[in-house]
Structure formats: C-alpha cells, structure tokens
C-alpha atoms as a PDB file:
ATOM      1  CA  MET A   1      -0.016  -0.050  -0.003  1.00  0.00           C
ATOM      2  CA  TYR A   2       0.956   3.193  -0.948  1.00  0.00           C
ATOM      3  CA  ILE A   3       0.832   5.989   1.592  1.00  0.00           C
ATOM      4  CA  PHE A   4       1.269   9.886   0.829  1.00  0.00           C
ATOM      5  CA  LYS A   5      -0.069  13.345   1.149  1.00  0.00           C
ATOM      6  CA  TYR A   6      -1.624  15.448  -1.213  1.00  0.00           C
ATOM      7  CA  LYS A   7      -3.169  18.785  -0.461  1.00  0.00           C
ATOM      8  CA  GLY A   8      -3.248  18.211   3.122  1.00  0.00           C
ATOM      9  CA  TYR A   9      -5.338  14.831   2.262  1.00  0.00           C
ATOM     10  CA  ILE A  10      -3.625  11.421   3.418  1.00  0.00           C
ATOM     11  CA  VAL A  11      -4.332   9.197   0.414  1.00  0.00           C
ATOM     12  CA  LEU A  12      -4.093   5.244   0.936  1.00  0.00           C
ATOM     13  CA  GLY A  13      -3.914   2.356  -1.371  1.00  0.00           C
ATOM     14  CA  LEU A  14      -4.138   4.403  -4.954  1.00  0.00           C
ATOM     15  CA  THR A  15      -1.843   2.007  -6.569  1.00  0.00           C
ATOM     16  CA  GLU A  16      -3.644  -0.984  -5.396  1.00  0.00           C
ATOM     17  CA  ILE A  17      -6.745   0.503  -7.162  1.00  0.00           C
ATOM     18  CA  ALA A  18      -4.944   1.284 -10.364  1.00  0.00           C
ATOM     19  CA  LYS A  19      -3.303  -1.938 -10.420  1.00  0.00           C
ATOM     20  CA  LYS A  20      -6.911  -3.407 -10.474  1.00  0.00           C
ATOM     21  CA  ILE A  21      -7.783  -1.026 -13.384  1.00  0.00           C
ATOM     22  CA  ASP A  22      -4.716  -1.895 -15.681  1.00  0.00           C
ATOM     23  CA  ILE A  23      -1.091  -2.382 -15.253  1.00  0.00           C
ATOM     24  CA  TYR A  24      -0.094   0.078 -17.880  1.00  0.00           C
ATOM     25  CA  SER A  25      -2.104   2.881 -16.111  1.00  0.00           C
ATOM     26  CA  TYR A  26      -0.287   1.507 -12.553  1.00  0.00           C
ATOM     27  CA  ASN A  27       2.815   1.813 -14.355  1.00  0.00           C
ATOM     28  CA  PHE A  28       2.233   5.427 -15.291  1.00  0.00           C
ATOM     29  CA  PHE A  29       0.689   6.401 -12.020  1.00  0.00           C
ATOM     30  CA  TYR A  30       3.620   4.851 -10.266  1.00  0.00           C
ATOM     31  CA  LEU A  31       6.023   7.216 -12.420  1.00  0.00           C
ATOM     32  CA  THR A  32       3.689  10.220 -11.744  1.00  0.00           C
ATOM     33  CA  MET A  33       3.737   9.746  -7.799  1.00  0.00           C
ATOM     34  CA  ASN A  34       7.191  11.680  -7.515  1.00  0.00           C
ATOM     35  CA  GLU A  35       6.657  14.403 -10.208  1.00  0.00           C
ATOM     36  CA  SER A  36       4.581  17.678  -9.903  1.00  0.00           C
ATOM     37  CA  GLU A  37       1.304  18.596  -8.956  1.00  0.00           C
ATOM     38  CA  LYS A  38       0.287  19.282 -12.553  1.00  0.00           C
ATOM     39  CA  SER A  39       1.169  15.249 -13.276  1.00  0.00           C
ATOM     40  CA  PHE A  40      -1.004  14.053 -10.338  1.00  0.00           C
ATOM     41  CA  SER A  41      -3.732  16.240 -11.394  1.00  0.00           C
ATOM     42  CA  ASN A  42      -3.693  14.775 -14.919  1.00  0.00           C
ATOM     43  CA  ILE A  43      -3.501  11.126 -13.683  1.00  0.00           C
ATOM     44  CA  LEU A  44      -6.505  11.861 -11.526  1.00  0.00           C
ATOM     45  CA  LYS A  45      -8.175  12.742 -14.937  1.00  0.00           C
ATOM     46  CA  PHE A  46      -6.990  10.137 -16.989  1.00  0.00           C
END
C-alpha cells in the first residue's frame, strides 16, 4: 500500500486500485507519483 499526502489529505492504497484497473495505468501512475502536482492532477483526470 502506498501512503502519501496530497494537498493536506492523506491518500491510501491508490496504487492498489490502479493495479486492479490496468497494469499500464498503474505503471504510469507510479511514475507520476514523484513528479509535479500538475502531473498528479493529470492522472486523476486519466
């Protein structure tokens, strides 16, 4: 499980959700985790 803070919110297990959706989506999500807030906003719209 992945735990991180985003805009003051603690988000849990999003990577687990992404893996259940699609492995490629998961990989993209994982790669964007350490990038800018803009990239994270983009993955939420994906």
